[in-house]
PDB file of all heavy atoms in Angstrom:
ATOM      1  N   HIS A   1     -12.066  41.876  -6.553  1.00  0.00           N
ATOM      2  CA  HIS A   1     -11.601  41.293  -5.363  1.00  0.00           C
ATOM      3  C   HIS A   1     -12.612  40.811  -4.447  1.00  0.00           C
ATOM      4  O   HIS A   1     -12.432  39.836  -3.729  1.00  0.00           O
ATOM      5  CB  HIS A   1     -10.660  42.257  -4.585  1.00  0.00           C
ATOM      6  CG  HIS A   1      -9.345  42.394  -5.120  1.00  0.00           C
ATOM      7  ND1 HIS A   1      -8.450  41.275  -5.451  1.00  0.00           N
ATOM      8  CD2 HIS A   1      -8.432  43.410  -5.475  1.00  0.00           C
ATOM      9  CE1 HIS A   1      -7.419  41.640  -5.924  1.00  0.00           C
ATOM     10  NE2 HIS A   1      -7.289  42.966  -6.008  1.00  0.00           N
ATOM     11  N   THR A   2     -13.811  41.471  -4.457  1.00  0.00           N
ATOM     12  CA  THR A   2     -14.849  41.317  -3.679  1.00  0.00           C
ATOM     13  C   THR A   2     -16.220  40.797  -4.280  1.00  0.00           C
ATOM     14  O   THR A   2     -17.186  40.675  -3.393  1.00  0.00           O
ATOM     15  CB  THR A   2     -15.178  42.388  -2.677  1.00  0.00           C
ATOM     16  OG1 THR A   2     -15.338  43.632  -3.471  1.00  0.00           O
ATOM     17  CG2 THR A   2     -13.934  42.673  -1.791  1.00  0.00           C
ATOM     18  N   SER A   3     -16.212  40.764  -5.453  1.00  0.00           N
ATOM     19  CA  SER A   3     -17.541  40.410  -6.185  1.00  0.00           C
ATOM     20  C   SER A   3     -17.219  39.736  -7.509  1.00  0.00           C
ATOM     21  O   SER A   3     -16.124  39.833  -8.080  1.00  0.00           O
ATOM     22  CB  SER A   3     -18.301  41.713  -6.427  1.00  0.00           C
ATOM     23  OG  SER A   3     -17.653  42.675  -7.165  1.00  0.00           O
ATOM     24  N   ALA A   4     -18.214  39.114  -8.051  1.00  0.00           N
ATOM     25  CA  ALA A   4     -18.138  38.369  -9.310  1.00  0.00           C
ATOM     26  C   ALA A   4     -18.140  39.429 -10.500  1.00  0.00           C
ATOM     27  O   ALA A   4     -19.030  40.304 -10.603  1.00  0.00           O
ATOM     28  CB  ALA A   4     -19.232  37.497  -9.503  1.00  0.00           C
ATOM     29  N   LYS A   5     -17.225  39.330 -11.431  1.00  0.00           N
ATOM     30  CA  LYS A   5     -17.188  40.192 -12.548  1.00  0.00           C
ATOM     31  C   LYS A   5     -18.517  40.191 -13.457  1.00  0.00           C
ATOM     32  O   LYS A   5     -18.989  41.123 -13.942  1.00  0.00           O
ATOM     33  CB  LYS A   5     -15.978  39.830 -13.488  1.00  0.00           C
ATOM     34  CG  LYS A   5     -15.999  38.605 -14.156  1.00  0.00           C
ATOM     35  CD  LYS A   5     -14.828  38.317 -15.059  1.00  0.00           C
ATOM     36  CE  LYS A   5     -14.863  36.949 -15.621  1.00  0.00           C
ATOM     37  NZ  LYS A   5     -13.714  36.712 -16.727  1.00  0.00           N
ATOM     38  N   GLN A   6     -19.138  38.991 -13.404  1.00  0.00           N
ATOM     39  CA  GLN A   6     -20.391  38.899 -14.090  1.00  0.00           C
ATOM     40  C   GLN A   6     -21.641  39.520 -13.585  1.00  0.00           C
ATOM     41  O   GLN A   6     -22.614  39.766 -14.251  1.00  0.00           O
ATOM     42  CB  GLN A   6     -20.748  37.352 -14.229  1.00  0.00           C
ATOM     43  CG  GLN A   6     -19.753  36.467 -15.052  1.00  0.00           C
ATOM     44  CD  GLN A   6     -18.662  35.986 -14.067  1.00  0.00           C
ATOM     45  OE1 GLN A   6     -18.607  36.228 -12.906  1.00  0.00           O
ATOM     46  NE2 GLN A   6     -17.768  35.293 -14.668  1.00  0.00           N
ATOM     47  N   LEU A   7     -21.477  40.007 -12.372  1.00  0.00           N
ATOM     48  CA  LEU A   7     -22.628  40.782 -11.603  1.00  0.00           C
ATOM     49  C   LEU A   7     -22.368  42.332 -11.650  1.00  0.00           C
ATOM     50  O   LEU A   7     -23.014  43.055 -11.001  1.00  0.00           O
ATOM     51  CB  LEU A   7     -22.748  40.350 -10.225  1.00  0.00           C
ATOM     52  CG  LEU A   7     -23.195  38.754 -10.160  1.00  0.00           C
ATOM     53  CD1 LEU A   7     -23.284  38.462  -8.683  1.00  0.00           C
ATOM     54  CD2 LEU A   7     -24.440  38.516 -10.939  1.00  0.00           C
ATOM     55  N   VAL A   8     -21.220  42.736 -12.209  1.00  0.00           N
ATOM     56  CA  VAL A   8     -21.022  44.143 -12.267  1.00  0.00           C
ATOM     57  C   VAL A   8     -22.159  44.672 -13.216  1.00  0.00           C
ATOM     58  O   VAL A   8     -22.372  44.194 -14.369  1.00  0.00           O
ATOM     59  CB  VAL A   8     -19.605  44.612 -12.848  1.00  0.00           C
ATOM     60  CG1 VAL A   8     -19.557  46.047 -13.027  1.00  0.00           C
ATOM     61  CG2 VAL A   8     -18.588  44.107 -11.814  1.00  0.00           C
ATOM     62  N   PRO A   9     -22.864  45.737 -12.950  1.00  0.00           N
ATOM     63  CA  PRO A   9     -24.027  46.191 -13.749  1.00  0.00           C
ATOM     64  C   PRO A   9     -23.613  47.107 -14.757  1.00  0.00           C
ATOM     65  O   PRO A   9     -22.843  47.967 -14.722  1.00  0.00           O
ATOM     66  CB  PRO A   9     -24.915  46.935 -12.740  1.00  0.00           C
ATOM     67  CG  PRO A   9     -24.082  47.436 -11.693  1.00  0.00           C
ATOM     68  CD  PRO A   9     -22.891  46.470 -11.618  1.00  0.00           C
ATOM     69  N   VAL A  10     -24.248  46.866 -15.953  1.00  0.00           N
ATOM     70  CA  VAL A  10     -24.152  47.865 -17.051  1.00  0.00           C
ATOM     71  C   VAL A  10     -25.681  48.291 -17.347  1.00  0.00           C
ATOM     72  O   VAL A  10     -26.515  47.505 -17.390  1.00  0.00           O
ATOM     73  CB  VAL A  10     -23.474  47.459 -18.273  1.00  0.00           C
ATOM     74  CG1 VAL A  10     -22.110  47.239 -18.141  1.00  0.00           C
ATOM     75  CG2 VAL A  10     -24.004  46.081 -18.738  1.00  0.00           C
ATOM     76  N   ALA A  11     -25.956  49.588 -17.495  1.00  0.00           N
ATOM     77  CA  ALA A  11     -27.293  50.051 -17.550  1.00  0.00           C
ATOM     78  C   ALA A  11     -28.091  49.536 -16.416  1.00  0.00           C
ATOM     79  O   ALA A  11     -29.298  49.239 -16.536  1.00  0.00           O
ATOM     80  CB  ALA A  11     -27.882  49.785 -18.792  1.00  0.00           C
ATOM     81  N   ASN A  12     -27.435  49.427 -15.237  1.00  0.00           N
ATOM     82  CA  ASN A  12     -28.154  49.101 -14.015  1.00  0.00           C
ATOM     83  C   ASN A  12     -28.751  47.611 -14.071  1.00  0.00           C
ATOM     84  O   ASN A  12     -29.648  47.313 -13.348  1.00  0.00           O
ATOM     85  CB  ASN A  12     -29.268  50.014 -13.615  1.00  0.00           C
ATOM     86  CG  ASN A  12     -28.599  51.221 -12.806  1.00  0.00           C
ATOM     87  OD1 ASN A  12     -27.437  51.438 -12.855  1.00  0.00           O
ATOM     88  ND2 ASN A  12     -29.556  51.959 -12.236  1.00  0.00           N
ATOM     89  N   LYS A  13     -28.075  46.744 -14.723  1.00  0.00           N
ATOM     90  CA  LYS A  13     -28.460  45.270 -14.728  1.00  0.00           C
ATOM     91  C   LYS A  13     -27.166  44.580 -14.820  1.00  0.00           C
ATOM     92  O   LYS A  13     -26.284  44.778 -15.637  1.00  0.00           O
ATOM     93  CB  LYS A  13     -29.292  44.996 -15.933  1.00  0.00           C
ATOM     94  CG  LYS A  13     -29.815  43.493 -15.953  1.00  0.00           C
ATOM     95  CD  LYS A  13     -30.466  43.093 -17.260  1.00  0.00           C
ATOM     96  CE  LYS A  13     -31.735  43.935 -17.488  1.00  0.00           C
ATOM     97  NZ  LYS A  13     -32.380  43.470 -18.757  1.00  0.00           N
ATOM     98  N   PRO A  14     -26.967  43.474 -14.065  1.00  0.00           N
ATOM     99  CA  PRO A  14     -25.701  42.734 -14.030  1.00  0.00           C
ATOM    100  C   PRO A  14     -25.515  42.155 -15.376  1.00  0.00           C
ATOM    101  O   PRO A  14     -26.495  41.657 -16.121  1.00  0.00           O
ATOM    102  CB  PRO A  14     -25.967  41.572 -13.139  1.00  0.00           C
ATOM    103  CG  PRO A  14     -26.996  42.137 -12.046  1.00  0.00           C
ATOM    104  CD  PRO A  14     -27.896  43.111 -12.877  1.00  0.00           C
ATOM    105  N   VAL A  15     -24.239  42.152 -15.866  1.00  0.00           N
ATOM    106  CA  VAL A  15     -23.959  41.720 -17.116  1.00  0.00           C
ATOM    107  C   VAL A  15     -24.434  40.273 -17.433  1.00  0.00           C
ATOM    108  O   VAL A  15     -24.940  40.002 -18.481  1.00  0.00           O
ATOM    109  CB  VAL A  15     -22.402  41.701 -17.413  1.00  0.00           C
ATOM    110  CG1 VAL A  15     -22.019  40.924 -18.763  1.00  0.00           C
ATOM    111  CG2 VAL A  15     -21.900  43.135 -17.473  1.00  0.00           C
ATOM    112  N   LEU A  16     -24.407  39.379 -16.474  1.00  0.00           N
ATOM    113  CA  LEU A  16     -24.698  38.072 -16.504  1.00  0.00           C
ATOM    114  C   LEU A  16     -26.169  37.935 -16.979  1.00  0.00           C
ATOM    115  O   LEU A  16     -26.638  37.022 -17.729  1.00  0.00           O
ATOM    116  CB  LEU A  16     -24.460  37.308 -15.285  1.00  0.00           C
ATOM    117  CG  LEU A  16     -24.941  35.848 -15.151  1.00  0.00           C
ATOM    118  CD1 LEU A  16     -24.288  35.019 -16.046  1.00  0.00           C
ATOM    119  CD2 LEU A  16     -24.756  35.424 -13.710  1.00  0.00           C
ATOM    120  N   PHE A  17     -27.062  38.836 -16.450  1.00  0.00           N
ATOM    121  CA  PHE A  17     -28.531  38.708 -16.708  1.00  0.00           C
ATOM    122  C   PHE A  17     -28.910  38.983 -18.170  1.00  0.00           C
ATOM    123  O   PHE A  17     -29.847  38.425 -18.730  1.00  0.00           O
ATOM    124  CB  PHE A  17     -29.195  39.747 -15.890  1.00  0.00           C
ATOM    125  CG  PHE A  17     -29.466  39.236 -14.405  1.00  0.00           C
ATOM    126  CD1 PHE A  17     -28.338  38.681 -13.886  1.00  0.00           C
ATOM    127  CD2 PHE A  17     -30.573  39.507 -13.747  1.00  0.00           C
ATOM    128  CE1 PHE A  17     -28.523  38.156 -12.398  1.00  0.00           C
ATOM    129  CE2 PHE A  17     -30.755  39.055 -12.487  1.00  0.00           C
ATOM    130  CZ  PHE A  17     -29.730  38.491 -11.804  1.00  0.00           C
ATOM    131  N   TYR A  18     -27.939  39.813 -18.931  1.00  0.00           N
ATOM    132  CA  TYR A  18     -28.286  39.904 -20.346  1.00  0.00           C
ATOM    133  C   TYR A  18     -28.118  38.569 -21.108  1.00  0.00           C
ATOM    134  O   TYR A  18     -28.876  38.310 -21.961  1.00  0.00           O
ATOM    135  CB  TYR A  18     -27.269  40.930 -20.912  1.00  0.00           C
ATOM    136  CG  TYR A  18     -27.673  42.440 -20.471  1.00  0.00           C
ATOM    137  CD1 TYR A  18     -26.889  42.949 -19.370  1.00  0.00           C
ATOM    138  CD2 TYR A  18     -28.587  43.245 -20.946  1.00  0.00           C
ATOM    139  CE1 TYR A  18     -27.121  44.291 -18.947  1.00  0.00           C
ATOM    140  CE2 TYR A  18     -28.889  44.415 -20.562  1.00  0.00           C
ATOM    141  CZ  TYR A  18     -28.051  44.998 -19.511  1.00  0.00           C
ATOM    142  OH  TYR A  18     -28.300  46.283 -19.097  1.00  0.00           O
ATOM    143  N   GLY A  19     -27.158  37.877 -20.730  1.00  0.00           N
ATOM    144  CA  GLY A  19     -26.882  36.558 -21.348  1.00  0.00           C
ATOM    145  C   GLY A  19     -28.050  35.602 -21.034  1.00  0.00           C
ATOM    146  O   GLY A  19     -28.559  34.928 -21.836  1.00  0.00           O
ATOM    147  N   LEU A  20     -28.449  35.505 -19.803  1.00  0.00           N
ATOM    148  CA  LEU A  20     -29.410  34.534 -19.344  1.00  0.00           C
ATOM    149  C   LEU A  20     -30.769  34.867 -20.048  1.00  0.00           C
ATOM    150  O   LEU A  20     -31.515  34.093 -20.442  1.00  0.00           O
ATOM    151  CB  LEU A  20     -29.597  34.670 -17.755  1.00  0.00           C
ATOM    152  CG  LEU A  20     -28.359  34.141 -17.101  1.00  0.00           C
ATOM    153  CD1 LEU A  20     -28.631  34.186 -15.494  1.00  0.00           C
ATOM    154  CD2 LEU A  20     -28.061  32.689 -17.411  1.00  0.00           C
ATOM    155  N   GLU A  21     -31.069  36.203 -20.128  1.00  0.00           N
ATOM    156  CA  GLU A  21     -32.290  36.693 -20.893  1.00  0.00           C
ATOM    157  C   GLU A  21     -32.247  36.373 -22.401  1.00  0.00           C
ATOM    158  O   GLU A  21     -33.235  35.861 -22.888  1.00  0.00           O
ATOM    159  CB  GLU A  21     -32.517  38.175 -20.694  1.00  0.00           C
ATOM    160  CG  GLU A  21     -32.831  38.539 -19.275  1.00  0.00           C
ATOM    161  CD  GLU A  21     -32.905  40.029 -19.024  1.00  0.00           C
ATOM    162  OE1 GLU A  21     -32.418  40.817 -19.946  1.00  0.00           O
ATOM    163  OE2 GLU A  21     -33.255  40.448 -17.891  1.00  0.00           O
ATOM    164  N   ALA A  22     -31.101  36.463 -22.904  1.00  0.00           N
ATOM    165  CA  ALA A  22     -30.944  36.133 -24.353  1.00  0.00           C
ATOM    166  C   ALA A  22     -31.190  34.522 -24.552  1.00  0.00           C
ATOM    167  O   ALA A  22     -31.675  34.165 -25.494  1.00  0.00           O
ATOM    168  CB  ALA A  22     -29.546  36.545 -24.846  1.00  0.00           C
ATOM    169  N   ILE A  23     -30.711  33.746 -23.655  1.00  0.00           N
ATOM    170  CA  ILE A  23     -30.820  32.338 -23.678  1.00  0.00           C
ATOM    171  C   ILE A  23     -32.285  31.983 -23.569  1.00  0.00           C
ATOM    172  O   ILE A  23     -32.827  31.224 -24.268  1.00  0.00           O
ATOM    173  CB  ILE A  23     -29.991  31.686 -22.588  1.00  0.00           C
ATOM    174  CG1 ILE A  23     -28.612  31.668 -22.951  1.00  0.00           C
ATOM    175  CG2 ILE A  23     -30.433  30.341 -22.367  1.00  0.00           C
ATOM    176  CD1 ILE A  23     -27.556  31.316 -21.829  1.00  0.00           C
ATOM    177  N   ALA A  24     -33.050  32.660 -22.554  1.00  0.00           N
ATOM    178  CA  ALA A  24     -34.421  32.359 -22.445  1.00  0.00           C
ATOM    179  C   ALA A  24     -35.220  32.880 -23.614  1.00  0.00           C
ATOM    180  O   ALA A  24     -36.136  32.091 -24.094  1.00  0.00           O
ATOM    181  CB  ALA A  24     -34.958  33.072 -21.218  1.00  0.00           C
ATOM    182  N   GLU A  25     -34.926  33.910 -24.263  1.00  0.00           N
ATOM    183  CA  GLU A  25     -35.562  34.452 -25.472  1.00  0.00           C
ATOM    184  C   GLU A  25     -35.436  33.480 -26.643  1.00  0.00           C
ATOM    185  O   GLU A  25     -36.207  33.486 -27.518  1.00  0.00           O
ATOM    186  CB  GLU A  25     -34.992  35.747 -25.817  1.00  0.00           C
ATOM    187  CG  GLU A  25     -35.428  36.955 -24.796  1.00  0.00           C
ATOM    188  CD  GLU A  25     -34.772  38.275 -25.022  1.00  0.00           C
ATOM    189  OE1 GLU A  25     -33.912  38.429 -25.999  1.00  0.00           O
ATOM    190  OE2 GLU A  25     -34.914  39.186 -24.319  1.00  0.00           O
TER     191      GLU A  25
END
């Protein structure tokens, strides 16, 4: 309700960042 689902952290990193890192790699 108050935040983007893609920014909820798993293992203390937003989910979105795992995908962006995979794309960069």
